[in-house]
Amino acid sequence: MYWSKALKITAITDKFTRARFFKLRGAIKVVIDHDVPEDLRMLDKFWKVRPFLDRILRGCLSLNRPDCASIDEQMIPFTGACPCRQYLPMKPNPVGIKNFVCATADGIVLDFELYQGTGSLIEKVEEPEGLSLGSLVIERLCQTLHRGTKVYCDRFFTTIKGAQRMMEKRAVHDWYNNEEPTR
């Protein structure tokens, strides 16, 4: 984008060629492999870029929380080698990394969870027994929302068990705290 004719930024393009940018981008290293323990490598398929992802997530989590949020999946276009690469033919970018996103009505990302398999979500949710992938995603991404937030999602995330779980949380919360209902 910096090197395009319409959006050219001479402060960058005069000092940094496009070819050099792509060469550096291809050689960037976020962590030193020997500093990451083997057990962490086995648990996190994105361990090589985890510091980068954590920094982005901290920025998302620092944003103000709205009264309404939407949870959906998105594809991060990626054609390289990755154990979590997916192919979803109905998406605009069908090959990439599946990312579950909680966002505002304006599309501002509030929280996200890169899909590494259902097992990684089970570890991040209390009492995950019997929940589908969609319900696990809702449970995980709602952890960072305020109580009373209205959450919108499509049918992939909507299950009877998941809806019952949210209703139970609301009833328990209302009974014990006598406050606003849960999300």
N, C-alpha and C. Protein backbone atom coordinates (compact mmCIF):
# COMPACT_ATOMS: atom_id res chain seq x y z
N MET A 1 0.82 -1.18 0.00
CA MET A 1 0.00 0.00 0.00
C MET A 1 0.88 1.26 0.00
N TYR A 2 1.95 1.25 0.78
CA TYR A 2 2.82 2.43 0.85
C TYR A 2 3.45 2.75 -0.50
N TRP A 3 3.66 1.73 -1.32
CA TRP A 3 4.34 1.92 -2.60
C TRP A 3 3.37 2.08 -3.78
N SER A 4 2.06 2.04 -3.52
CA SER A 4 1.10 2.21 -4.62
C SER A 4 1.10 3.66 -5.09
N LYS A 5 0.72 3.90 -6.33
CA LYS A 5 0.72 5.26 -6.88
C LYS A 5 -0.28 6.15 -6.16
N ALA A 6 -1.44 5.63 -5.81
CA ALA A 6 -2.49 6.44 -5.19
C ALA A 6 -2.17 6.79 -3.74
N LEU A 7 -1.55 5.87 -3.01
CA LEU A 7 -1.32 6.08 -1.57
C LEU A 7 0.15 6.21 -1.20
N LYS A 8 0.97 6.48 -2.14
CA LYS A 8 2.42 6.52 -1.93
C LYS A 8 2.79 7.50 -0.81
N ILE A 9 3.62 7.02 0.10
CA ILE A 9 4.13 7.85 1.20
C ILE A 9 5.63 7.96 0.98
N THR A 10 6.04 9.11 0.50
CA THR A 10 7.44 9.28 0.08
C THR A 10 8.42 9.17 1.24
N ALA A 11 8.00 9.51 2.44
CA ALA A 11 8.89 9.38 3.60
C ALA A 11 9.34 7.93 3.78
N ILE A 12 8.51 7.01 3.36
CA ILE A 12 8.85 5.59 3.47
C ILE A 12 9.46 5.09 2.17
N THR A 13 8.80 5.37 1.05
CA THR A 13 9.22 4.79 -0.23
C THR A 13 10.58 5.28 -0.71
N ASP A 14 10.98 6.50 -0.34
CA ASP A 14 12.28 7.01 -0.75
C ASP A 14 13.42 6.33 -0.01
N LYS A 15 13.16 5.82 1.18
CA LYS A 15 14.21 5.24 2.01
C LYS A 15 14.16 3.71 2.07
N PHE A 16 13.01 3.14 1.69
CA PHE A 16 12.78 1.72 1.91
C PHE A 16 12.07 1.15 0.69
N THR A 17 12.76 0.34 -0.09
CA THR A 17 12.16 -0.18 -1.31
C THR A 17 11.15 -1.29 -1.00
N ARG A 18 10.25 -1.49 -1.93
CA ARG A 18 9.22 -2.53 -1.77
C ARG A 18 9.87 -3.91 -1.71
N ALA A 19 10.86 -4.14 -2.53
CA ALA A 19 11.55 -5.44 -2.54
C ALA A 19 12.21 -5.73 -1.20
N ARG A 20 12.81 -4.71 -0.61
CA ARG A 20 13.46 -4.90 0.70
C ARG A 20 12.42 -5.19 1.78
N PHE A 21 11.27 -4.50 1.72
CA PHE A 21 10.20 -4.75 2.68
C PHE A 21 9.77 -6.21 2.62
N PHE A 22 9.54 -6.74 1.42
CA PHE A 22 9.09 -8.12 1.28
C PHE A 22 10.18 -9.11 1.72
N LYS A 23 11.44 -8.76 1.49
CA LYS A 23 12.52 -9.63 1.94
C LYS A 23 12.56 -9.68 3.47
N LEU A 24 12.45 -8.53 4.11
CA LEU A 24 12.44 -8.49 5.58
C LEU A 24 11.20 -9.17 6.16
N ARG A 25 10.05 -8.94 5.51
CA ARG A 25 8.81 -9.56 5.98
C ARG A 25 8.91 -11.08 5.94
N GLY A 26 9.56 -11.61 4.94
CA GLY A 26 9.72 -13.05 4.83
C GLY A 26 10.70 -13.64 5.83
N ALA A 27 11.55 -12.81 6.40
CA ALA A 27 12.57 -13.29 7.33
C ALA A 27 12.32 -12.88 8.77
N ILE A 28 11.18 -12.27 9.05
CA ILE A 28 10.92 -11.78 10.41
C ILE A 28 10.78 -12.94 11.38
N LYS A 29 11.33 -12.78 12.56
CA LYS A 29 11.26 -13.81 13.60
C LYS A 29 10.78 -13.13 14.87
N VAL A 30 9.73 -13.66 15.45
CA VAL A 30 9.10 -13.03 16.62
C VAL A 30 9.66 -13.58 17.92
N VAL A 31 9.96 -14.88 17.98
CA VAL A 31 10.52 -15.50 19.19
C VAL A 31 11.76 -16.30 18.84
N ILE A 32 12.58 -16.52 19.83
CA ILE A 32 13.73 -17.40 19.68
C ILE A 32 13.25 -18.80 20.07
N ASP A 33 13.36 -19.73 19.16
CA ASP A 33 12.79 -21.07 19.34
C ASP A 33 13.23 -21.74 20.63
N HIS A 34 14.49 -21.59 21.01
CA HIS A 34 15.02 -22.27 22.19
C HIS A 34 14.48 -21.69 23.49
N ASP A 35 13.91 -20.48 23.45
CA ASP A 35 13.35 -19.85 24.65
C ASP A 35 11.95 -20.34 24.99
N VAL A 36 11.32 -21.05 24.07
CA VAL A 36 9.95 -21.53 24.28
C VAL A 36 10.00 -22.99 24.70
N PRO A 37 9.46 -23.31 25.89
CA PRO A 37 9.49 -24.70 26.36
C PRO A 37 8.70 -25.64 25.44
N GLU A 38 9.12 -26.89 25.41
CA GLU A 38 8.49 -27.88 24.53
C GLU A 38 7.01 -28.08 24.84
N ASP A 39 6.64 -28.06 26.13
CA ASP A 39 5.23 -28.27 26.48
C ASP A 39 4.35 -27.12 25.97
N LEU A 40 4.87 -25.89 25.98
CA LEU A 40 4.12 -24.76 25.44
C LEU A 40 3.99 -24.87 23.92
N ARG A 41 5.00 -25.38 23.28
CA ARG A 41 4.94 -25.59 21.83
C ARG A 41 3.84 -26.60 21.46
N MET A 42 3.68 -27.60 22.31
CA MET A 42 2.66 -28.62 22.05
C MET A 42 1.25 -28.08 22.27
N LEU A 43 1.08 -27.19 23.25
CA LEU A 43 -0.24 -26.64 23.58
C LEU A 43 -0.69 -25.54 22.63
N ASP A 44 0.24 -24.72 22.17
CA ASP A 44 -0.10 -23.54 21.38
C ASP A 44 0.48 -23.67 19.98
N LYS A 45 -0.38 -23.84 18.99
CA LYS A 45 0.09 -24.00 17.62
C LYS A 45 0.60 -22.69 17.03
N PHE A 46 0.29 -21.57 17.68
CA PHE A 46 0.75 -20.27 17.21
C PHE A 46 1.87 -19.71 18.09
N TRP A 47 2.64 -20.58 18.71
CA TRP A 47 3.68 -20.14 19.63
C TRP A 47 4.74 -19.28 18.97
N LYS A 48 4.97 -19.46 17.70
CA LYS A 48 6.01 -18.68 17.02
C LYS A 48 5.64 -17.21 16.87
N VAL A 49 4.35 -16.91 16.88
CA VAL A 49 3.89 -15.51 16.74
C VAL A 49 3.07 -15.07 17.95
N ARG A 50 3.09 -15.84 19.03
CA ARG A 50 2.27 -15.54 20.21
C ARG A 50 2.55 -14.16 20.80
N PRO A 51 3.80 -13.70 20.95
CA PRO A 51 4.01 -12.35 21.49
C PRO A 51 3.33 -11.27 20.64
N PHE A 52 3.38 -11.43 19.35
CA PHE A 52 2.73 -10.50 18.42
C PHE A 52 1.22 -10.53 18.60
N LEU A 53 0.64 -11.74 18.65
CA LEU A 53 -0.80 -11.89 18.84
C LEU A 53 -1.25 -11.35 20.20
N ASP A 54 -0.46 -11.60 21.24
CA ASP A 54 -0.81 -11.11 22.57
C ASP A 54 -0.83 -9.58 22.62
N ARG A 55 0.07 -8.95 21.90
CA ARG A 55 0.11 -7.49 21.86
C ARG A 55 -1.13 -6.94 21.16
N ILE A 56 -1.53 -7.57 20.07
CA ILE A 56 -2.75 -7.15 19.38
C ILE A 56 -3.96 -7.36 20.29
N LEU A 57 -4.02 -8.50 20.97
CA LEU A 57 -5.13 -8.80 21.86
C LEU A 57 -5.21 -7.80 23.01
N ARG A 58 -4.07 -7.42 23.58
CA ARG A 58 -4.07 -6.41 24.65
C ARG A 58 -4.68 -5.10 24.17
N GLY A 59 -4.35 -4.71 22.94
CA GLY A 59 -4.94 -3.51 22.36
C GLY A 59 -6.44 -3.63 22.21
N CYS A 60 -6.91 -4.78 21.76
CA CYS A 60 -8.36 -5.01 21.60
C CYS A 60 -9.06 -4.98 22.95
N LEU A 61 -8.46 -5.62 23.94
CA LEU A 61 -9.08 -5.69 25.26
C LEU A 61 -9.09 -4.35 25.98
N SER A 62 -8.24 -3.41 25.57
CA SER A 62 -8.20 -2.10 26.21
C SER A 62 -9.31 -1.16 25.71
N LEU A 63 -10.02 -1.55 24.66
CA LEU A 63 -11.08 -0.71 24.11
C LEU A 63 -12.31 -0.71 25.01
N ASN A 64 -13.10 0.37 24.95
CA ASN A 64 -14.34 0.45 25.71
C ASN A 64 -15.31 -0.61 25.24
N ARG A 65 -16.06 -1.18 26.16
CA ARG A 65 -17.03 -2.22 25.85
C ARG A 65 -18.40 -1.60 25.59
N PRO A 66 -19.02 -1.93 24.46
CA PRO A 66 -20.34 -1.38 24.13
C PRO A 66 -21.46 -2.19 24.80
N ASP A 67 -22.70 -1.75 24.61
CA ASP A 67 -23.86 -2.46 25.14
C ASP A 67 -24.23 -3.65 24.26
N CYS A 68 -23.81 -3.62 23.00
CA CYS A 68 -24.10 -4.70 22.05
C CYS A 68 -22.81 -5.13 21.38
N ALA A 69 -22.69 -6.43 21.14
CA ALA A 69 -21.52 -6.96 20.44
C ALA A 69 -21.96 -8.11 19.55
N SER A 70 -21.14 -8.40 18.57
CA SER A 70 -21.42 -9.49 17.63
C SER A 70 -20.27 -10.48 17.67
N ILE A 71 -20.61 -11.75 17.60
CA ILE A 71 -19.58 -12.79 17.56
C ILE A 71 -19.75 -13.55 16.25
N ASP A 72 -18.64 -13.69 15.53
CA ASP A 72 -18.66 -14.38 14.24
C ASP A 72 -17.27 -14.93 13.95
N GLU A 73 -17.17 -15.65 12.86
CA GLU A 73 -15.87 -16.17 12.45
C GLU A 73 -15.38 -15.38 11.25
N GLN A 74 -14.08 -15.32 11.09
CA GLN A 74 -13.48 -14.68 9.93
C GLN A 74 -12.28 -15.51 9.51
N MET A 75 -11.88 -15.34 8.28
CA MET A 75 -10.68 -16.00 7.80
C MET A 75 -9.57 -14.98 7.65
N ILE A 76 -8.42 -15.29 8.20
CA ILE A 76 -7.24 -14.48 7.99
C ILE A 76 -6.53 -15.11 6.80
N PRO A 77 -6.48 -14.42 5.66
CA PRO A 77 -5.90 -15.04 4.46
C PRO A 77 -4.45 -15.45 4.72
N PHE A 78 -4.17 -16.73 4.44
CA PHE A 78 -2.82 -17.25 4.64
C PHE A 78 -2.68 -18.52 3.83
N THR A 79 -1.69 -18.57 2.96
CA THR A 79 -1.49 -19.75 2.12
C THR A 79 -0.20 -20.49 2.46
N GLY A 80 0.53 -20.02 3.47
CA GLY A 80 1.77 -20.68 3.85
C GLY A 80 1.52 -21.94 4.66
N ALA A 81 2.60 -22.51 5.18
CA ALA A 81 2.51 -23.72 5.99
C ALA A 81 2.08 -23.36 7.40
N CYS A 82 1.02 -23.98 7.87
CA CYS A 82 0.52 -23.75 9.22
C CYS A 82 -0.36 -24.93 9.60
N PRO A 83 -0.19 -25.49 10.80
CA PRO A 83 -0.99 -26.64 11.18
C PRO A 83 -2.48 -26.32 11.35
N CYS A 84 -2.83 -25.06 11.44
CA CYS A 84 -4.23 -24.67 11.66
C CYS A 84 -4.87 -24.07 10.42
N ARG A 85 -4.22 -24.15 9.30
CA ARG A 85 -4.79 -23.57 8.08
C ARG A 85 -6.07 -24.32 7.71
N GLN A 86 -7.08 -23.57 7.32
CA GLN A 86 -8.39 -24.13 6.99
C GLN A 86 -8.76 -23.78 5.56
N TYR A 87 -9.71 -24.53 5.03
CA TYR A 87 -10.30 -24.21 3.73
C TYR A 87 -11.81 -24.14 3.93
N LEU A 88 -12.37 -22.95 3.78
CA LEU A 88 -13.81 -22.74 3.89
C LEU A 88 -14.28 -22.14 2.57
N PRO A 89 -14.84 -22.95 1.68
CA PRO A 89 -15.13 -22.50 0.32
C PRO A 89 -16.14 -21.36 0.22
N MET A 90 -16.98 -21.16 1.22
CA MET A 90 -18.01 -20.11 1.14
C MET A 90 -17.50 -18.74 1.60
N LYS A 91 -16.27 -18.63 2.02
CA LYS A 91 -15.72 -17.36 2.49
C LYS A 91 -15.07 -16.60 1.34
N PRO A 92 -15.01 -15.26 1.43
CA PRO A 92 -14.34 -14.48 0.38
C PRO A 92 -12.87 -14.86 0.22
N ASN A 93 -12.19 -15.13 1.32
CA ASN A 93 -10.82 -15.65 1.31
C ASN A 93 -10.89 -17.06 1.87
N PRO A 94 -11.05 -18.07 1.02
CA PRO A 94 -11.35 -19.41 1.53
C PRO A 94 -10.20 -20.14 2.22
N VAL A 95 -8.95 -19.74 1.97
CA VAL A 95 -7.81 -20.42 2.57
C VAL A 95 -7.16 -19.48 3.59
N GLY A 96 -7.01 -19.99 4.80
CA GLY A 96 -6.37 -19.16 5.81
C GLY A 96 -6.55 -19.74 7.20
N ILE A 97 -6.44 -18.86 8.17
CA ILE A 97 -6.54 -19.23 9.57
C ILE A 97 -7.90 -18.75 10.08
N LYS A 98 -8.66 -19.68 10.66
CA LYS A 98 -9.99 -19.33 11.18
C LYS A 98 -9.81 -18.57 12.49
N ASN A 99 -10.52 -17.46 12.58
CA ASN A 99 -10.44 -16.59 13.74
C ASN A 99 -11.86 -16.29 14.20
N PHE A 100 -12.14 -16.54 15.46
CA PHE A 100 -13.44 -16.18 16.03
C PHE A 100 -13.29 -14.80 16.64
N VAL A 101 -14.23 -13.90 16.32
CA VAL A 101 -14.09 -12.49 16.68
C VAL A 101 -15.33 -11.98 17.40
N CYS A 102 -15.11 -11.21 18.44
CA CYS A 102 -16.16 -10.44 19.10
C CYS A 102 -15.91 -8.98 18.70
N ALA A 103 -16.92 -8.35 18.08
CA ALA A 103 -16.73 -7.01 17.53
C ALA A 103 -17.94 -6.12 17.83
N THR A 104 -17.71 -4.81 17.71
CA THR A 104 -18.78 -3.84 17.87
C THR A 104 -19.59 -3.79 16.58
N ALA A 105 -20.68 -3.04 16.60
CA ALA A 105 -21.52 -2.87 15.40
C ALA A 105 -20.73 -2.17 14.30
N ASP A 106 -19.72 -1.39 14.65
CA ASP A 106 -18.88 -0.69 13.68
C ASP A 106 -17.76 -1.56 13.12
N GLY A 107 -17.63 -2.79 13.64
CA GLY A 107 -16.59 -3.69 13.15
C GLY A 107 -15.28 -3.60 13.91
N ILE A 108 -15.26 -2.89 15.02
CA ILE A 108 -14.05 -2.79 15.85
C ILE A 108 -13.91 -4.07 16.66
N VAL A 109 -12.77 -4.74 16.54
CA VAL A 109 -12.56 -6.02 17.22
C VAL A 109 -12.29 -5.77 18.70
N LEU A 110 -13.08 -6.43 19.56
CA LEU A 110 -12.94 -6.32 21.00
C LEU A 110 -12.16 -7.49 21.60
N ASP A 111 -12.27 -8.65 20.97
CA ASP A 111 -11.60 -9.86 21.44
C ASP A 111 -11.57 -10.85 20.28
N PHE A 112 -10.63 -11.77 20.31
CA PHE A 112 -10.57 -12.78 19.27
C PHE A 112 -9.93 -14.05 19.81
N GLU A 113 -10.18 -15.14 19.13
CA GLU A 113 -9.60 -16.43 19.49
C GLU A 113 -9.27 -17.16 18.19
N LEU A 114 -7.99 -17.37 17.93
CA LEU A 114 -7.58 -18.13 16.76
C LEU A 114 -7.93 -19.60 16.98
N TYR A 115 -8.53 -20.22 15.99
CA TYR A 115 -8.99 -21.60 16.11
C TYR A 115 -7.81 -22.56 16.02
N GLN A 116 -7.63 -23.35 17.08
CA GLN A 116 -6.57 -24.36 17.12
C GLN A 116 -7.16 -25.74 17.35
N GLY A 117 -8.45 -25.86 17.21
CA GLY A 117 -9.14 -27.11 17.51
C GLY A 117 -10.02 -26.91 18.73
N THR A 118 -11.00 -27.77 18.88
CA THR A 118 -11.96 -27.65 19.98
C THR A 118 -11.27 -27.81 21.33
N GLY A 119 -10.24 -28.63 21.40
CA GLY A 119 -9.54 -28.87 22.66
C GLY A 119 -8.99 -27.62 23.31
N SER A 120 -8.47 -26.69 22.51
CA SER A 120 -7.91 -25.46 23.08
C SER A 120 -9.00 -24.58 23.68
N LEU A 121 -10.20 -24.62 23.11
CA LEU A 121 -11.32 -23.84 23.67
C LEU A 121 -11.85 -24.47 24.95
N ILE A 122 -11.85 -25.79 25.00
CA ILE A 122 -12.35 -26.49 26.19
C ILE A 122 -11.55 -26.07 27.42
N GLU A 123 -10.23 -25.87 27.24
CA GLU A 123 -9.36 -25.49 28.35
C GLU A 123 -9.65 -24.08 28.86
N LYS A 124 -10.26 -23.22 28.05
CA LYS A 124 -10.47 -21.83 28.41
C LYS A 124 -11.88 -21.53 28.91
N VAL A 125 -12.73 -22.56 29.00
CA VAL A 125 -14.13 -22.38 29.40
C VAL A 125 -14.42 -23.21 30.63
N GLU A 126 -15.16 -22.63 31.57
CA GLU A 126 -15.58 -23.38 32.75
C GLU A 126 -16.70 -24.36 32.37
N GLU A 127 -16.64 -25.56 32.87
CA GLU A 127 -17.66 -26.58 32.65
C GLU A 127 -18.03 -26.72 31.17
N PRO A 128 -17.10 -27.14 30.31
CA PRO A 128 -17.37 -27.23 28.88
C PRO A 128 -18.14 -28.47 28.43
N GLU A 129 -18.47 -29.37 29.36
CA GLU A 129 -19.10 -30.64 29.00
C GLU A 129 -20.38 -30.41 28.19
N GLY A 130 -20.47 -31.08 27.05
CA GLY A 130 -21.68 -31.07 26.25
C GLY A 130 -21.88 -29.85 25.37
N LEU A 131 -20.95 -28.91 25.37
CA LEU A 131 -21.10 -27.71 24.54
C LEU A 131 -20.51 -27.94 23.16
N SER A 132 -21.19 -27.42 22.16
CA SER A 132 -20.68 -27.49 20.79
C SER A 132 -19.58 -26.46 20.59
N LEU A 133 -18.92 -26.51 19.45
CA LEU A 133 -17.86 -25.55 19.16
C LEU A 133 -18.40 -24.12 19.22
N GLY A 134 -19.57 -23.89 18.62
CA GLY A 134 -20.16 -22.55 18.63
C GLY A 134 -20.43 -22.04 20.04
N SER A 135 -20.96 -22.90 20.89
CA SER A 135 -21.23 -22.51 22.28
C SER A 135 -19.95 -22.26 23.06
N LEU A 136 -18.92 -23.06 22.78
CA LEU A 136 -17.62 -22.83 23.43
C LEU A 136 -17.06 -21.46 23.03
N VAL A 137 -17.19 -21.11 21.77
CA VAL A 137 -16.70 -19.81 21.29
C VAL A 137 -17.46 -18.68 21.99
N ILE A 138 -18.78 -18.79 22.08
CA ILE A 138 -19.59 -17.77 22.76
C ILE A 138 -19.14 -17.63 24.21
N GLU A 139 -18.99 -18.77 24.90
CA GLU A 139 -18.54 -18.74 26.30
C GLU A 139 -17.18 -18.05 26.43
N ARG A 140 -16.24 -18.40 25.57
CA ARG A 140 -14.89 -17.84 25.66
C ARG A 140 -14.88 -16.35 25.37
N LEU A 141 -15.55 -15.91 24.29
CA LEU A 141 -15.49 -14.50 23.91
C LEU A 141 -16.35 -13.61 24.79
N CYS A 142 -17.34 -14.17 25.45
CA CYS A 142 -18.17 -13.38 26.38
C CYS A 142 -17.46 -13.11 27.70
N GLN A 143 -16.36 -13.80 27.95
CA GLN A 143 -15.62 -13.61 29.21
C GLN A 143 -15.10 -12.18 29.35
N THR A 144 -14.88 -11.49 28.25
CA THR A 144 -14.31 -10.14 28.33
C THR A 144 -15.37 -9.05 28.17
N LEU A 145 -16.65 -9.43 28.08
CA LEU A 145 -17.72 -8.44 27.97
C LEU A 145 -18.32 -8.16 29.33
N HIS A 146 -18.93 -6.99 29.46
CA HIS A 146 -19.61 -6.64 30.71
C HIS A 146 -20.90 -7.43 30.84
N ARG A 147 -21.35 -7.63 32.05
CA ARG A 147 -22.64 -8.26 32.28
C ARG A 147 -23.72 -7.36 31.70
N GLY A 148 -24.70 -7.97 31.08
CA GLY A 148 -25.78 -7.22 30.47
C GLY A 148 -25.56 -6.87 29.01
N THR A 149 -24.40 -7.21 28.47
CA THR A 149 -24.12 -6.94 27.06
C THR A 149 -24.99 -7.84 26.18
N LYS A 150 -25.60 -7.26 25.17
CA LYS A 150 -26.39 -8.03 24.21
C LYS A 150 -25.43 -8.59 23.16
N VAL A 151 -25.48 -9.91 22.98
CA VAL A 151 -24.57 -10.57 22.05
C VAL A 151 -25.38 -11.12 20.88
N TYR A 152 -24.95 -10.77 19.68
CA TYR A 152 -25.60 -11.23 18.46
C TYR A 152 -24.67 -12.21 17.74
N CYS A 153 -25.25 -13.25 17.19
CA CYS A 153 -24.46 -14.23 16.45
C CYS A 153 -25.36 -14.94 15.44
N ASP A 154 -24.74 -15.67 14.53
CA ASP A 154 -25.53 -16.40 13.54
C ASP A 154 -25.83 -17.82 14.05
N ARG A 155 -26.46 -18.63 13.22
CA ARG A 155 -26.94 -19.94 13.66
C ARG A 155 -25.82 -20.92 14.01
N PHE A 156 -24.61 -20.71 13.50
CA PHE A 156 -23.49 -21.59 13.84
C PHE A 156 -23.24 -21.59 15.35
N PHE A 157 -23.44 -20.47 16.00
CA PHE A 157 -23.15 -20.32 17.41
C PHE A 157 -24.38 -20.57 18.29
N THR A 158 -25.54 -20.74 17.69
CA THR A 158 -26.78 -20.86 18.44
C THR A 158 -27.17 -22.33 18.60
N THR A 159 -27.15 -22.81 19.84
CA THR A 159 -27.59 -24.16 20.14
C THR A 159 -28.50 -24.10 21.37
N ILE A 160 -29.31 -25.11 21.54
CA ILE A 160 -30.21 -25.16 22.70
C ILE A 160 -29.40 -25.23 23.98
N LYS A 161 -28.39 -26.08 24.00
CA LYS A 161 -27.55 -26.23 25.20
C LYS A 161 -26.84 -24.91 25.53
N GLY A 162 -26.34 -24.23 24.52
CA GLY A 162 -25.67 -22.94 24.75
C GLY A 162 -26.63 -21.89 25.27
N ALA A 163 -27.85 -21.85 24.71
CA ALA A 163 -28.85 -20.88 25.19
C ALA A 163 -29.26 -21.19 26.61
N GLN A 164 -29.44 -22.48 26.93
CA GLN A 164 -29.78 -22.86 28.31
C GLN A 164 -28.67 -22.45 29.27
N ARG A 165 -27.43 -22.60 28.84
CA ARG A 165 -26.29 -22.24 29.67
C ARG A 165 -26.31 -20.75 29.99
N MET A 166 -26.58 -19.92 28.98
CA MET A 166 -26.65 -18.47 29.20
C MET A 166 -27.82 -18.11 30.11
N MET A 167 -28.95 -18.80 29.94
CA MET A 167 -30.11 -18.54 30.79
C MET A 167 -29.82 -18.92 32.24
N GLU A 168 -29.14 -20.05 32.44
CA GLU A 168 -28.77 -20.47 33.80
C GLU A 168 -27.84 -19.45 34.44
N LYS A 169 -26.88 -18.97 33.69
CA LYS A 169 -25.95 -17.97 34.23
C LYS A 169 -26.71 -16.71 34.64
N ARG A 170 -27.69 -16.33 33.84
CA ARG A 170 -28.48 -15.15 34.16
C ARG A 170 -29.26 -15.37 35.45
N ALA A 171 -29.91 -16.54 35.59
CA ALA A 171 -30.72 -16.81 36.78
C ALA A 171 -29.86 -16.86 38.03
N VAL A 172 -28.72 -17.53 37.95
CA VAL A 172 -27.83 -17.62 39.11
C VAL A 172 -27.32 -16.24 39.48
N HIS A 173 -26.93 -15.47 38.50
CA HIS A 173 -26.40 -14.13 38.76
C HIS A 173 -27.47 -13.24 39.39
N ASP A 174 -28.69 -13.26 38.84
CA ASP A 174 -29.77 -12.43 39.39
C ASP A 174 -30.09 -12.82 40.82
N TRP A 175 -30.08 -14.13 41.08
CA TRP A 175 -30.47 -14.60 42.40
C TRP A 175 -29.43 -14.24 43.46
N TYR A 176 -28.15 -14.43 43.14
CA TYR A 176 -27.10 -14.17 44.11
C TYR A 176 -26.76 -12.68 44.25
N ASN A 177 -26.67 -11.96 43.16
CA ASN A 177 -26.18 -10.59 43.21
C ASN A 177 -27.27 -9.53 43.10
N ASN A 178 -28.43 -9.93 42.60
CA ASN A 178 -29.53 -8.99 42.44
C ASN A 178 -29.11 -7.78 41.59
N GLU A 179 -28.35 -8.07 40.55
CA GLU A 179 -27.85 -7.03 39.65
C GLU A 179 -28.41 -7.23 38.25
N GLU A 180 -27.78 -6.56 37.30
CA GLU A 180 -28.13 -6.67 35.89
C GLU A 180 -27.94 -8.11 35.41
N PRO A 181 -28.77 -8.58 34.47
CA PRO A 181 -28.59 -9.95 33.96
C PRO A 181 -27.29 -10.11 33.19
N THR A 182 -26.83 -11.36 33.08
CA THR A 182 -25.60 -11.64 32.34
C THR A 182 -25.87 -11.61 30.86
N ARG A 183 -24.81 -11.63 30.09
CA ARG A 183 -24.92 -11.60 28.64
C ARG A 183 -25.51 -12.85 28.11
